[in-house]
Amino acid sequence: MFSNFLIGLREGLEASLVVCILIAYLVKTGNKNKLVPIWIGVGIAIVVSLAFGAGLEFGSQEMTFKAQEALGGSLSIVSVGLVTWMVFWMRRTARHLKTELHGKLDAALAMGTGALVATALLAVGREGLETSLFVWRAVHAADDGWHPMIGAFLGIGAAVVLGWLFYRGALKINLSKFFTWTGGMLVIVAAGVLAYGVHDLQEAEFLGGIHNQAFDISATIPPDSWYGTLLKGTFNFQPDPTVLQITVWALYLIPTLALFLAPVGFGRSKGKTTDQKARKAADEKSEADSAGDGARDGDGAGHDGERVRDGARRAGSGAGGNQL
C-alpha cells in the first residue's frame, strides 16, 4: 500500500505542478478565457489513463495462466523502464520545467484551442499512463486485494491537495529534495517490481531457472505474516527468490541508485573547468592584445608629435635665419 501511495503521490504531484504552472501563466497573461481547453485536456488525460488501466485488468483475465504471466512480466519491465526514465528526467529538468512549459504554452496559444487541449493532454496523460501501468503491475505483484489501489488513490488525492496549496501560495516545499527522496525510494520499489517481473517470465517458461532458488527464509519471514505482507506490498519482497531474480535486482538497483544519488553534473565537472579556464585565458589574451594595440597606437602618436614639434622648431629656426 505504501509503495502505491508513493507512486500516486509522486506522479500525481508532477501532474499537479504542470497544471498549476499552465493555469497560473494563463491567468497572469490575461488569458483566463483559455482555461477551459486546459481543463478539457486534463479531463481527457484522466479518462484515457483510467481506460488504459481497465483495459490491462479486464484484457488479461481472458488469457491463459502462462500468457498472463508473460504479459505481467513484460509490462513489469516496461513500467520499470518508464519509472526510471521519469525519475532521472525530473531530476535533470525540474529547475527548468516552468520555462519549458511557458514556451510550449505560448506556441499553443498561437495555434489555437486544439493545441491548448493537446498541451494539457500530453503533459498530464504521460504521468497518468505511467501511473496506471505501474500501479496495475504493483497490484498484481502485491496480491493484496484493493489495498494497493486505495494507497494509489490516497497518494493522488494528497498530490492534488498539495498542488492546490502550491497554486494558492499557502505551502512551500523544497521540490528538489522532495523529488530526490521520492525518486530514490521509487528506484528501490522499481527494483522489486523488476525482480517480480522476472519471476513472472520464469513462471511463463519464457526464462529458465524457476527452481534454482537463491535462498528460502519463509520460516523467518512468513509471506502471510503482517511484516511479510508489509515488505511484499512495499518493496515486492519475496522470501524465496530465484538466483536470476536476485541477480537482476542487484544489477538494476546498485548502479541506478548510485547514478541517481550522484551530484548533478557528476563526471562533467572536469570538462566544465577546462572550458572555463580556456575561456578565461582567451579573454585575458584578448585584453592583452587590446592593451598592446592601444600602447602601440600611443607610441606612434607620441613619435608623430615629436616629429611635428621638431619640424616646427626647424621651420622657426629657418625663419629666424632669413630675418637676420
Foldseek 3Di string as FASTA:
>chain_A
DQQLLLLLQVLLLQLLQLLLLLCVVCVVVVNNVLNVLLVLLQVVLQVVLVVLLVCLVVVLVPDDLLVSLLVLLVLLVVLLVLLLVVLVVCLVCVVPVSVVSVVQVVVLVVVDSVSSSVSNNVSSNSSSNSSSSVLSSLCVLLVPPCVSVVSSVNSSVVSNVVSVCVSVVNDDDPVNVVSLVSSLQNLQQSLLSNLVSVQSCCVSVVDDQNVAWPAAPCVVPPCPDPVNSVCCSRRVDDRTGHPVSVVSSCVRNPVSSVVSPDDPCPPNVVVVVVVVVVVVVVVVVVVVVVVVVVVVVVVVVVVVVVVVVVVVVVVVVVVVVVVD
